[in-house]
Protein backbone atom coordinates (compact mmCIF):
# COMPACT_ATOMS: atom_id res chain seq x y z
CA MET A 1 -9.91 -12.34 -28.36
CA ARG A 2 -9.33 -9.45 -30.71
CA HIS A 3 -9.77 -5.92 -29.49
CA ASP A 4 -11.92 -3.63 -31.59
CA VAL A 5 -9.92 -0.85 -33.20
CA PRO A 6 -11.34 2.42 -34.52
CA MET A 7 -11.19 1.53 -38.22
CA ASP A 8 -13.17 -0.70 -40.52
CA ASP A 9 -11.99 -4.15 -41.55
CA SER A 10 -10.93 -3.12 -45.05
CA LEU A 11 -8.76 -0.27 -43.79
CA LEU A 12 -7.13 -2.56 -41.23
CA LEU A 13 -6.39 -5.14 -43.94
CA ILE A 14 -4.88 -2.50 -46.24
CA GLN A 15 -2.74 -1.18 -43.41
CA LYS A 16 -1.40 -4.62 -42.50
CA LEU A 17 -0.67 -5.55 -46.14
CA ALA A 18 1.12 -2.25 -46.67
CA HIS A 19 3.14 -2.84 -43.53
CA LYS A 20 4.14 -6.34 -44.63
CA LYS A 21 5.26 -4.93 -47.97
CA SER A 22 7.32 -2.23 -46.27
CA ILE A 23 9.07 -4.78 -44.09
CA THR A 24 9.85 -7.04 -47.03
CA SER A 25 11.07 -4.19 -49.19
CA SER A 26 13.29 -2.95 -46.39
CA PHE A 27 15.27 -6.19 -46.61
CA LEU A 28 15.18 -6.60 -50.42
CA GLU A 29 15.88 -3.01 -51.34
CA ALA A 30 18.34 -2.32 -48.50
CA GLU A 31 16.53 0.74 -47.25
CA THR A 32 19.06 3.37 -46.15
CA PHE A 33 19.28 5.97 -43.40
CA ASP A 34 21.67 8.89 -42.88
CA GLY A 35 24.86 8.51 -44.81
CA GLY A 36 23.39 5.91 -47.16
CA VAL A 37 24.21 2.99 -44.85
CA SER A 38 21.91 0.01 -44.98
CA ALA A 39 20.85 -0.04 -41.31
CA LEU A 40 18.19 -2.73 -41.24
CA PRO A 41 20.08 -5.56 -43.00
CA ARG A 42 23.25 -4.63 -41.12
CA ALA A 43 21.42 -4.93 -37.78
CA ALA A 44 19.93 -8.24 -38.91
CA GLY A 45 23.42 -9.51 -39.80
CA VAL A 46 24.76 -8.64 -36.36
CA LEU A 47 21.83 -10.39 -34.69
CA PHE A 48 22.26 -13.52 -36.80
CA ALA A 49 25.96 -13.58 -35.81
CA LEU A 50 24.97 -13.66 -32.14
CA MET A 51 23.19 -17.01 -32.54
CA PRO A 52 26.26 -19.17 -33.40
CA LEU A 53 28.22 -17.34 -30.69
CA SER A 54 25.51 -18.26 -28.18
CA VAL A 55 25.62 -21.89 -29.28
CA ALA A 56 29.41 -21.89 -28.87
CA LEU A 57 29.11 -20.44 -25.35
CA LEU A 58 26.62 -23.13 -24.34
CA VAL A 59 28.83 -25.90 -25.74
CA VAL A 60 31.86 -24.52 -23.87
CA ALA A 61 29.80 -24.32 -20.66
CA MET A 62 28.82 -27.98 -21.04
CA LEU A 63 32.43 -29.06 -21.69
CA VAL A 64 33.73 -27.06 -18.73
CA GLU A 65 31.19 -28.62 -16.40
CA LEU A 66 31.91 -32.16 -17.63
CA PHE A 67 35.70 -32.11 -17.83
CA VAL A 68 37.08 -29.30 -15.65
CA THR A 69 37.12 -30.51 -12.05
CA SER A 70 39.90 -28.33 -10.61
CA LYS A 71 39.07 -26.27 -7.51
CA ARG A 72 41.96 -23.91 -8.14
CA PHE A 73 39.66 -20.99 -8.85
CA HIS A 74 37.16 -21.79 -6.11
CA VAL A 75 35.12 -18.66 -5.32
CA GLY A 76 32.90 -19.95 -2.49
CA GLN A 77 30.14 -17.77 -1.05
CA VAL A 78 31.36 -14.67 -2.89
CA GLY A 79 30.74 -16.37 -6.23
CA LEU A 80 27.39 -17.78 -5.09
CA ARG A 81 26.09 -14.39 -3.95
CA SER A 82 27.52 -12.64 -7.02
CA LEU A 83 25.67 -15.04 -9.31
CA TRP A 84 22.46 -14.55 -7.29
CA PHE A 85 22.70 -10.77 -7.69
CA LEU A 86 23.63 -11.02 -11.38
CA LEU A 87 20.68 -13.30 -12.11
CA ALA A 88 18.39 -10.93 -10.21
CA VAL A 89 19.32 -8.22 -12.72
CA LEU A 90 19.08 -10.47 -15.77
CA ALA A 91 15.79 -12.13 -14.77
CA THR A 92 14.05 -8.79 -14.28
CA VAL A 93 15.48 -7.49 -17.57
CA ASP A 94 14.01 -10.62 -19.18
CA MET A 95 10.56 -9.99 -17.71
CA SER A 96 10.45 -6.23 -18.40
CA ILE A 97 12.26 -5.89 -21.74
CA LEU A 98 9.10 -5.93 -23.89
CA ILE A 99 7.05 -3.56 -21.72
CA PRO A 100 7.63 -0.37 -23.80
CA ILE A 101 6.81 -2.07 -27.12
CA SER A 102 4.24 -4.67 -26.03
CA PHE A 103 1.32 -2.42 -26.95
CA ASP A 104 2.84 -1.71 -30.38
CA ILE A 105 3.48 -5.41 -31.01
CA SER A 106 -0.11 -6.10 -30.01
CA GLN A 107 -1.40 -3.44 -32.40
CA GLN A 108 0.84 -4.68 -35.19
CA LEU A 109 -0.78 -8.09 -34.74
CA GLY A 110 -4.25 -6.55 -34.75
CA TYR A 111 -4.95 -6.75 -31.01
CA GLY A 112 -5.46 -4.19 -28.23
CA PRO A 113 -4.35 -3.29 -24.69
CA LEU A 114 -5.61 -6.50 -23.08
CA ALA A 115 -3.50 -8.68 -25.38
CA SER A 116 -0.41 -6.57 -24.65
CA GLY A 117 -1.05 -7.00 -20.92
CA VAL A 118 -1.29 -10.77 -21.37
CA MET A 119 1.98 -10.73 -23.33
CA VAL A 120 3.78 -8.90 -20.50
CA ALA A 121 2.19 -11.02 -17.77
CA ALA A 122 2.97 -14.31 -19.52
CA SER A 123 6.39 -14.44 -17.84
CA GLN A 124 4.65 -15.19 -14.55
CA ALA A 125 2.12 -17.70 -15.91
CA PHE A 126 4.10 -20.90 -15.25
CA GLN A 127 6.20 -19.62 -12.36
CA PRO A 128 3.89 -20.76 -9.52
CA PHE A 129 3.75 -24.33 -10.85
CA LEU A 130 7.47 -24.53 -11.59
CA ALA A 131 8.31 -23.09 -8.16
CA LEU A 132 6.40 -25.99 -6.59
CA LEU A 133 8.05 -28.41 -9.01
CA SER A 134 11.48 -27.07 -8.10
CA ARG A 135 10.68 -27.50 -4.39
CA TRP A 136 9.75 -31.12 -5.04
CA LEU A 137 12.62 -31.98 -7.39
CA VAL A 138 15.53 -30.14 -5.83
CA ILE A 139 15.12 -29.09 -2.18
CA GLY A 140 16.47 -31.81 0.10
CA GLN A 141 18.81 -33.21 -2.56
CA SER A 142 22.59 -32.99 -2.38
CA TYR A 143 24.24 -29.71 -3.32
CA GLN A 144 25.97 -31.35 -6.30
CA TYR A 145 22.56 -32.37 -7.66
CA GLN A 146 21.18 -28.87 -7.09
CA ARG A 147 24.20 -27.30 -8.79
CA ARG A 148 23.90 -29.44 -11.91
CA PHE A 149 20.15 -28.78 -12.00
CA MET A 150 20.67 -25.00 -11.89
CA LEU A 151 23.26 -25.09 -14.67
CA ILE A 152 20.91 -27.07 -16.92
CA CYS A 153 18.15 -24.54 -16.25
CA LEU A 154 20.39 -21.62 -17.23
CA GLY A 155 21.23 -23.32 -20.53
CA ALA A 156 17.54 -23.99 -21.16
CA GLU A 157 16.76 -20.34 -20.43
CA ALA A 158 19.16 -19.24 -23.18
CA ILE A 159 17.67 -21.68 -25.70
CA LEU A 160 14.05 -20.74 -24.94
CA THR A 161 14.88 -17.04 -25.19
CA TRP A 162 16.42 -17.55 -28.61
CA LEU A 163 13.32 -19.43 -29.81
CA MET A 164 11.32 -16.19 -29.54
CA ALA A 165 13.52 -14.49 -32.16
CA PRO A 166 12.18 -16.41 -35.20
CA VAL A 167 8.62 -15.96 -33.93
CA LEU A 168 9.04 -12.18 -33.89
CA GLU A 169 10.78 -12.38 -37.27
CA ALA A 170 7.75 -14.19 -38.72
CA CYS A 171 5.12 -11.78 -37.39
CA ASN A 172 4.49 -10.49 -40.92
CA HIS A 173 4.36 -13.96 -42.49
CA TRP A 174 2.53 -16.21 -40.03
CA SER A 175 -1.01 -15.65 -38.83
CA ASP A 176 -1.38 -13.02 -36.11
CA GLN A 177 -3.00 -15.51 -33.75
CA THR A 178 -0.13 -18.00 -34.15
CA VAL A 179 2.50 -15.35 -33.45
CA LEU A 180 0.68 -14.08 -30.36
CA TYR A 181 0.13 -17.56 -28.94
CA LEU A 182 3.76 -18.58 -29.51
CA LEU A 183 5.04 -15.36 -27.95
CA VAL A 184 2.88 -15.87 -24.87
CA PHE A 185 3.96 -19.53 -24.62
CA PHE A 186 7.70 -18.84 -24.89
CA ARG A 187 7.44 -15.88 -22.52
CA ALA A 188 5.71 -18.16 -20.03
CA MET A 189 8.39 -20.84 -20.43
CA THR A 190 11.34 -18.45 -19.99
CA GLY A 191 9.71 -16.97 -16.89
CA GLY A 192 9.03 -20.44 -15.51
CA VAL A 193 12.62 -21.60 -15.92
CA ILE A 194 13.73 -18.55 -13.91
CA MET A 195 11.75 -20.02 -11.03
CA LEU A 196 13.21 -23.52 -11.50
CA TYR A 197 16.73 -22.34 -10.75
CA GLY A 198 15.68 -19.41 -8.56
CA VAL A 199 14.22 -21.44 -5.69
CA PRO A 200 17.27 -23.66 -5.03
CA LEU A 201 19.67 -20.75 -5.60
CA ALA A 202 17.91 -18.55 -3.03
CA CYS A 203 17.83 -21.44 -0.56
CA CYS A 204 21.58 -21.99 -1.00
CA VAL A 205 22.34 -18.30 -0.48
CA TYR A 206 20.22 -17.92 2.66
CA ASP A 207 21.18 -21.31 4.12
CA SER A 208 24.88 -20.48 3.85
CA ALA A 209 24.45 -17.00 5.40
CA PRO A 210 24.45 -16.15 9.12
CA LEU A 211 21.15 -14.77 10.41
CA GLU A 212 22.69 -11.32 10.88
CA ASP A 213 23.47 -11.12 7.15
CA ARG A 214 20.05 -12.09 5.83
CA GLN A 215 18.40 -8.68 6.16
CA SER A 216 21.24 -6.90 4.33
CA LEU A 217 21.34 -9.69 1.73
CA SER A 218 17.64 -9.23 1.06
CA ILE A 219 17.99 -5.45 0.70
CA ARG A 220 20.93 -5.82 -1.69
CA TYR A 221 19.02 -8.43 -3.70
CA TYR A 222 16.07 -6.10 -4.22
CA LEU A 223 18.47 -3.31 -5.11
CA PHE A 224 19.77 -5.47 -7.97
CA LEU A 225 16.21 -6.39 -8.93
CA SER A 226 15.38 -2.70 -9.31
CA ILE A 227 18.47 -2.24 -11.52
CA GLY A 228 17.24 -5.05 -13.76
CA VAL A 229 13.74 -3.58 -14.00
CA CYS A 230 15.38 -0.29 -15.01
CA LEU A 231 17.54 -1.83 -17.75
CA GLY A 232 14.77 -3.83 -19.47
CA PRO A 233 12.73 -0.92 -20.90
CA VAL A 234 15.92 1.04 -21.66
CA VAL A 235 17.22 -1.80 -23.87
CA SER A 236 14.04 -1.74 -25.96
CA SER A 237 14.17 2.05 -26.25
CA VAL A 238 17.81 1.94 -27.35
CA MET A 239 16.86 -0.61 -30.01
CA LEU A 240 14.09 1.72 -31.20
CA SER A 241 16.54 4.63 -31.35
CA LEU A 242 19.14 2.64 -33.30
CA HIS A 243 16.63 1.06 -35.66
CA GLN A 244 14.69 4.29 -36.34
CA GLY A 245 11.86 2.18 -37.73
CA GLY A 246 9.12 3.49 -35.47
CA ALA A 247 6.37 1.71 -33.61
CA HIS A 248 5.02 0.07 -36.80
CA GLN A 249 8.08 -2.21 -36.79
CA ALA A 250 7.81 -3.19 -33.14
CA CYS A 251 8.23 -6.90 -33.89
CA PHE A 252 11.64 -6.27 -35.44
CA THR A 253 12.66 -4.16 -32.46
CA GLY A 254 11.47 -6.93 -30.15
CA ARG A 255 13.58 -9.46 -32.07
CA GLN A 256 16.64 -7.25 -31.64
CA SER A 257 16.12 -7.04 -27.89
CA ILE A 258 15.37 -10.76 -27.51
CA SER A 259 18.45 -11.77 -29.55
CA ILE A 260 20.73 -9.69 -27.33
CA LEU A 261 19.04 -11.14 -24.26
CA GLY A 262 19.53 -14.70 -25.55
CA PHE A 263 23.24 -14.05 -26.08
CA VAL A 264 23.59 -12.66 -22.54
CA TRP A 265 21.82 -15.71 -21.08
CA SER A 266 24.30 -17.95 -22.93
CA ALA A 267 27.24 -15.99 -21.54
CA VAL A 268 25.82 -16.19 -18.01
CA ALA A 269 25.34 -19.96 -18.39
CA LEU A 270 29.08 -20.24 -19.06
CA LEU A 271 29.98 -17.81 -16.26
CA SER A 272 27.86 -19.76 -13.77
CA THR A 273 30.08 -22.85 -14.15
CA TRP A 274 32.73 -20.78 -12.36
CA LEU A 275 30.59 -18.72 -9.96
CA LEU A 276 28.59 -21.67 -8.61
CA PRO A 277 30.99 -23.23 -6.08
CA LYS A 278 31.76 -26.92 -6.38
CA GLU A 279 30.97 -27.35 -2.70
CA ILE A 280 28.97 -25.26 -0.27
CA GLU A 281 29.06 -25.08 3.48
CA GLU A 282 25.68 -24.54 5.15
CA THR A 283 25.42 -22.59 8.39
CA HIS A 284 23.04 -24.42 10.67
CA GLU A 285 20.55 -22.64 12.90
CA LYS A 286 22.33 -23.61 16.08
CA ASP A 287 25.57 -22.05 14.77
CA LYS A 288 23.86 -18.90 13.50
CA THR A 289 22.73 -17.83 16.94
CA HIS A 290 25.60 -19.31 18.96
CA HIS A 291 27.15 -15.91 19.56
CA ASP A 292 23.82 -14.68 20.93
CA GLU A 293 24.30 -16.73 24.08
CA ALA A 294 27.70 -15.17 24.70
CA THR A 295 26.75 -11.53 24.28
CA GLY A 296 25.32 -11.03 27.73
CA GLU A 297 21.86 -9.95 28.80
CA ASN A 298 22.61 -6.23 28.99
CA SER A 299 23.87 -5.83 25.41
CA ALA A 300 21.65 -4.48 22.65
CA LEU A 301 20.08 -7.09 20.41
CA SER A 302 20.31 -7.06 16.66
CA LEU A 303 17.13 -7.58 14.67
CA ALA A 304 18.15 -11.17 13.91
CA GLN A 305 18.72 -11.90 17.59
CA ALA A 306 15.47 -10.18 18.52
CA VAL A 307 13.44 -12.18 16.01
CA GLN A 308 14.94 -15.41 17.31
CA ARG A 309 13.61 -14.62 20.82
CA ILE A 310 10.05 -14.11 19.59
CA PRO A 311 7.70 -17.06 20.36
CA VAL A 312 7.39 -19.64 17.59
CA GLN A 313 3.75 -18.80 16.88
CA THR A 314 4.60 -15.12 16.43
CA ARG A 315 7.50 -16.02 14.14
CA ARG A 316 5.10 -18.03 11.99
CA ALA A 317 2.75 -15.05 11.88
CA LEU A 318 5.64 -12.86 10.70
CA VAL A 319 6.41 -15.29 7.87
CA ILE A 320 2.75 -15.37 6.81
CA SER A 321 2.44 -11.58 6.90
CA ALA A 322 5.54 -11.29 4.69
CA VAL A 323 4.00 -13.68 2.16
CA LEU A 324 0.72 -11.72 2.09
CA PHE A 325 2.58 -8.44 1.69
CA SER A 326 4.54 -9.90 -1.23
CA ALA A 327 1.25 -10.71 -2.98
CA GLU A 328 -0.14 -7.19 -2.50
CA ARG A 329 3.11 -5.52 -3.52
CA SER A 330 3.54 -7.74 -6.57
CA PHE A 331 0.09 -6.98 -7.96
CA SER A 332 0.61 -3.27 -7.36
CA ILE A 333 3.97 -2.87 -9.10
CA GLY A 334 3.02 -5.32 -11.87
CA ALA A 335 0.08 -3.07 -12.64
CA ILE A 336 2.24 0.06 -12.49
CA GLU A 337 4.74 -1.26 -15.03
CA VAL A 338 2.20 -1.76 -17.82
CA ALA A 339 -0.48 0.78 -16.87
CA THR A 340 2.03 3.63 -17.03
CA ALA A 341 3.13 2.61 -20.53
CA LEU A 342 -0.49 2.47 -21.69
CA LEU A 343 -1.49 5.81 -20.13
CA LEU A 344 1.53 7.65 -21.53
CA GLU A 345 0.82 6.34 -25.02
CA VAL A 346 -2.98 6.71 -25.07
CA GLU A 347 -3.58 9.84 -22.97
CA TYR A 348 -0.38 11.78 -23.67
CA SER A 349 0.60 10.42 -27.13
CA TRP A 350 4.13 9.52 -26.08
CA SER A 351 6.11 7.30 -28.45
CA SER A 352 7.26 3.82 -27.44
CA GLU A 353 10.83 5.11 -27.38
CA GLN A 354 9.94 7.92 -24.96
CA ILE A 355 7.93 5.53 -22.79
CA GLY A 356 10.85 3.13 -22.52
CA TYR A 357 13.19 5.86 -21.37
CA ALA A 358 10.56 7.21 -18.95
CA LEU A 359 10.09 3.77 -17.39
CA GLY A 360 13.85 3.40 -17.24
CA VAL A 361 14.08 6.67 -15.28
CA ILE A 362 11.33 5.54 -12.89
CA PHE A 363 13.02 2.22 -12.24
CA PHE A 364 16.45 3.89 -12.01
CA ILE A 365 15.14 6.15 -9.25
CA THR A 366 13.86 2.99 -7.54
CA ALA A 367 17.41 1.64 -7.58
CA VAL A 368 18.76 4.93 -6.22
CA VAL A 369 16.17 4.85 -3.42
CA GLY A 370 17.32 1.31 -2.61
CA GLY A 371 20.90 2.50 -2.30
CA VAL A 372 19.89 5.43 -0.10
CA ILE A 373 17.83 3.16 2.15
CA ALA A 374 20.80 0.80 2.53
CA LEU A 375 22.92 3.75 3.69
CA LEU A 376 20.22 5.14 6.00
CA ARG A 377 20.00 1.80 7.84
CA ARG A 378 23.31 2.68 9.49
CA LYS A 379 21.71 5.65 11.28
CA VAL A 380 17.94 5.07 11.20
CA SER A 381 16.11 2.07 12.64
CA ASP A 382 14.40 -0.42 10.33
CA TYR A 383 11.13 0.31 12.15
CA THR A 384 11.27 4.02 11.27
CA LEU A 385 12.27 3.36 7.66
CA MET A 386 9.51 0.81 7.12
CA LEU A 387 6.70 2.96 8.49
CA SER A 388 8.00 6.03 6.64
CA MET A 389 8.02 4.22 3.29
CA ALA A 390 4.56 2.76 3.93
CA THR A 391 3.15 6.24 4.59
CA VAL A 392 4.85 7.75 1.53
CA SER A 393 3.45 4.96 -0.69
CA ILE A 394 -0.13 5.83 0.33
CA THR A 395 0.47 9.52 -0.37
CA GLY A 396 1.94 8.66 -3.77
CA ALA A 397 -1.00 6.42 -4.68
CA MET A 398 -3.30 9.47 -4.50
CA LEU A 399 -1.37 11.04 -7.39
CA PHE A 400 -2.59 8.33 -9.78
CA ILE A 401 -5.95 10.14 -9.84
CA ASP A 402 -6.58 12.14 -13.01
CA PHE A 403 -7.62 15.52 -11.59
CA GLY A 404 -8.35 16.97 -15.03
CA GLY A 405 -10.18 14.35 -17.06
CA GLN A 406 -10.82 14.26 -20.78
CA GLU A 407 -12.89 17.47 -20.90
CA LYS A 408 -10.53 19.73 -18.95
CA GLY A 409 -7.35 17.98 -20.08
CA HIS A 410 -5.53 15.19 -18.29
CA SER A 411 -3.29 15.82 -15.31
CA SER A 412 0.37 16.34 -16.10
CA PRO A 413 2.21 13.16 -17.12
CA TRP A 414 4.91 14.15 -14.65
CA LEU A 415 2.37 13.80 -11.84
CA LEU A 416 1.76 10.22 -13.00
CA MET A 417 5.49 9.56 -13.02
CA VAL A 418 5.88 10.98 -9.50
CA ALA A 419 3.14 8.60 -8.35
CA ASP A 420 4.96 5.71 -10.05
CA VAL A 421 8.27 6.60 -8.42
CA THR A 422 6.88 6.94 -4.89
CA VAL A 423 4.67 3.84 -4.90
CA TYR A 424 7.02 1.61 -6.90
CA SER A 425 10.20 2.46 -5.00
CA CYS A 426 8.62 2.32 -1.54
CA MET A 427 6.78 -0.95 -2.13
CA PHE A 428 9.88 -2.48 -3.70
CA GLN A 429 12.13 -1.63 -0.77
CA LEU A 430 9.48 -2.62 1.79
CA THR A 431 9.49 -6.09 0.24
CA ALA A 432 13.20 -6.33 0.97
CA PHE A 433 12.64 -5.49 4.65
CA MET A 434 9.71 -7.89 4.96
CA GLU A 435 11.67 -10.69 3.31
CA GLY A 436 14.63 -10.07 5.61
CA ILE A 437 12.38 -10.37 8.68
CA ALA A 438 10.73 -13.52 7.27
CA THR A 439 14.03 -15.30 6.54
CA GLU A 440 15.18 -14.55 10.08
CA ALA A 441 11.87 -15.61 11.64
CA ALA A 442 11.55 -18.85 9.63
CA VAL A 443 11.02 -21.92 11.84
CA PRO A 444 13.01 -24.98 10.66
CA GLY A 445 11.11 -28.24 10.25
CA THR A 446 7.67 -26.60 9.98
CA ALA A 447 5.42 -25.24 7.26
CA CYS A 448 7.11 -21.88 7.91
CA SER A 449 10.66 -23.13 7.24
CA LEU A 450 13.03 -21.11 5.07
CA GLU A 451 12.60 -23.40 2.06
CA ASN A 452 8.80 -23.34 2.30
CA TYR A 453 8.82 -19.57 2.75
CA ILE A 454 10.87 -19.05 -0.42
CA VAL A 455 8.43 -21.19 -2.42
CA ALA A 456 5.37 -19.50 -0.85
CA ARG A 457 6.88 -16.07 -1.45
CA ASN A 458 7.43 -16.89 -5.12
CA LEU A 459 3.85 -18.11 -5.44
CA ALA A 460 2.61 -14.94 -3.73
CA ILE A 461 4.70 -12.80 -6.07
CA GLN A 462 4.14 -14.49 -9.41
CA ILE A 463 0.39 -15.19 -9.36
CA PRO A 464 -0.63 -11.56 -8.55
CA ARG A 465 2.12 -10.23 -10.81
CA ALA A 466 0.70 -12.28 -13.70
CA LEU A 467 -2.76 -10.86 -12.96
CA GLY A 468 -1.59 -7.26 -12.53
CA PRO A 469 -0.86 -6.27 -16.18
CA PRO A 470 -4.06 -7.58 -17.82
CA VAL A 471 -6.24 -6.40 -14.92
CA ALA A 472 -4.69 -2.93 -14.95
CA ARG A 473 -4.90 -2.47 -18.71
CA GLY A 474 -8.37 -3.97 -18.89
CA LEU A 475 -9.54 -1.76 -16.00
CA ILE A 476 -8.19 1.38 -17.66
CA ASP A 477 -9.64 0.37 -21.01
CA LEU A 478 -13.12 -0.34 -19.59
CA CYS A 479 -13.49 1.92 -16.53
CA GLY A 480 -10.89 4.64 -16.92
CA ARG A 481 -7.79 5.79 -15.13
CA ASN A 482 -9.42 6.87 -11.87
CA THR A 483 -10.77 3.39 -11.19
CA TYR A 484 -7.20 2.13 -11.54
CA ALA A 485 -6.08 4.88 -9.14
CA VAL A 486 -8.61 3.76 -6.51
CA LEU A 487 -7.32 0.20 -6.85
CA GLN A 488 -3.73 1.32 -6.24
CA LEU A 489 -4.80 3.39 -3.23
CA CYS A 490 -6.64 0.41 -1.71
CA LEU A 491 -3.65 -1.89 -2.25
CA SER A 492 -1.27 0.56 -0.57
CA SER A 493 -3.62 1.00 2.38
CA VAL A 494 -3.97 -2.74 2.94
CA ALA A 495 -0.24 -3.33 2.60
CA ILE A 496 0.62 -0.83 5.31
CA SER A 497 -1.17 -2.93 7.95
CA GLY A 498 1.16 -5.88 7.31
CA VAL A 499 4.20 -3.62 7.38
CA TRP A 500 3.13 -2.05 10.67
CA TYR A 501 2.58 -5.48 12.26
CA ALA A 502 5.96 -6.88 11.15
CA ALA A 503 7.93 -3.76 12.04
CA ASN A 504 6.20 -3.36 15.42
CA THR A 505 6.61 -7.02 16.39
CA ALA A 506 10.32 -7.18 15.62
CA ARG A 507 10.98 -3.78 17.18
CA SER A 508 9.09 -4.46 20.43
CA ASP A 509 11.18 -7.54 21.14
CA ALA A 510 14.41 -5.69 20.37
CA VAL A 511 13.43 -2.89 22.75
CA VAL A 512 12.72 -5.42 25.52
CA GLY A 513 16.10 -7.03 24.87
CA LYS A 514 17.87 -3.70 25.24
CA GLN A 515 16.19 -3.04 28.57
CA LEU A 516 17.10 -6.37 30.18
């Protein structure tokens, strides 16, 4: 429903009609910027040129898959993992690219913060259902079937992304309600398709990896996810800087970003025909731990070996705790992504461009923290790292509190950003550790198998993540920032219990193994 804005209906109508006229005149009159160059039509021409190029890339991808059967350039596991990491970046760019301008698009359409939260969260709306559908359609089928299925999904992702461009183009011509509904629908569809190919791809990567590699694979995967989350807001801010049209032309900026994203998806669809190996060799559980029997009782156990010696019931409990932690973490960081943008704009009067760059810096620091954690694992135990990050995340959550308030002046925006960095980066990296433990503890042939865990993890991530943005923005809008801060503090406190259990369980068995 529409959000009440602080102006009467006649003023709102005049503002929207004036805006429509300014957009139309900018195309007809070739409005110029510095140097007398027609920036807006020129940008539109470049974007329109990307569409036929994208179509050509998709056609070439289809022809390559149908007629090129040579294994001369076979890339094997390296190509499979490279594609997995690349898609981790691109998928998170896709889901975060509209965050800095979602509030402005919502206002341009006559809506408020809640509608912008729904727009951002729409990417996760269909993901739980399509994750289950992917499990039913793909898992258990031959690898050739799974490969062809994933390639089709990547092509569909490019097409669905491009379909959002004309919707954003028509935001000043169609009814506001129609534009909002179509944007939410296409955002939901593009996010859902990510899950259709994501489940079988993750299963292929983990199934083909030895147990000892799964923890490092998980940490690297989340490192690439954090890079993607960083790039999404930056792309929108760069488009705002180049366009120089301001927040009142947010729909045009969104179309620029979406058009570039659609072209990239088309290029990746073509690249995936090479990176997805024609054949894959799975490493079975009995082979993954074969070397464990030959190491001798007195040698130190790796985490993977330690987890394998834990009783089956405890391994199942580890998998379940990882799923629950994913749900808590997902809601928390989903709320952070959109609540920060809203608070910076409403309480501190930052522009959408500044917000995009600020979010980019926050997410960039998250990626840097991921790289540092990967290096520290060589000298510091996973147990120590996990508990340290859990403690830091609780401390950071306290900084969300507005110690000033409206009467005395809000707390510094930099304090809010410090809170974002500490909570977001720690929770993000903790998910990588928890997922690594869960993939190693998975029990084949049970409800806690690797395939079922990946589906359950996606459900636990996407449902809370879809709820996070509208809940956070609605909570801030209705109850204020400090209520949101209390929510984040509670989430961090609950999450630490699951981290402590998983870290302590895996560590205790490893310690016993070393003392044998």
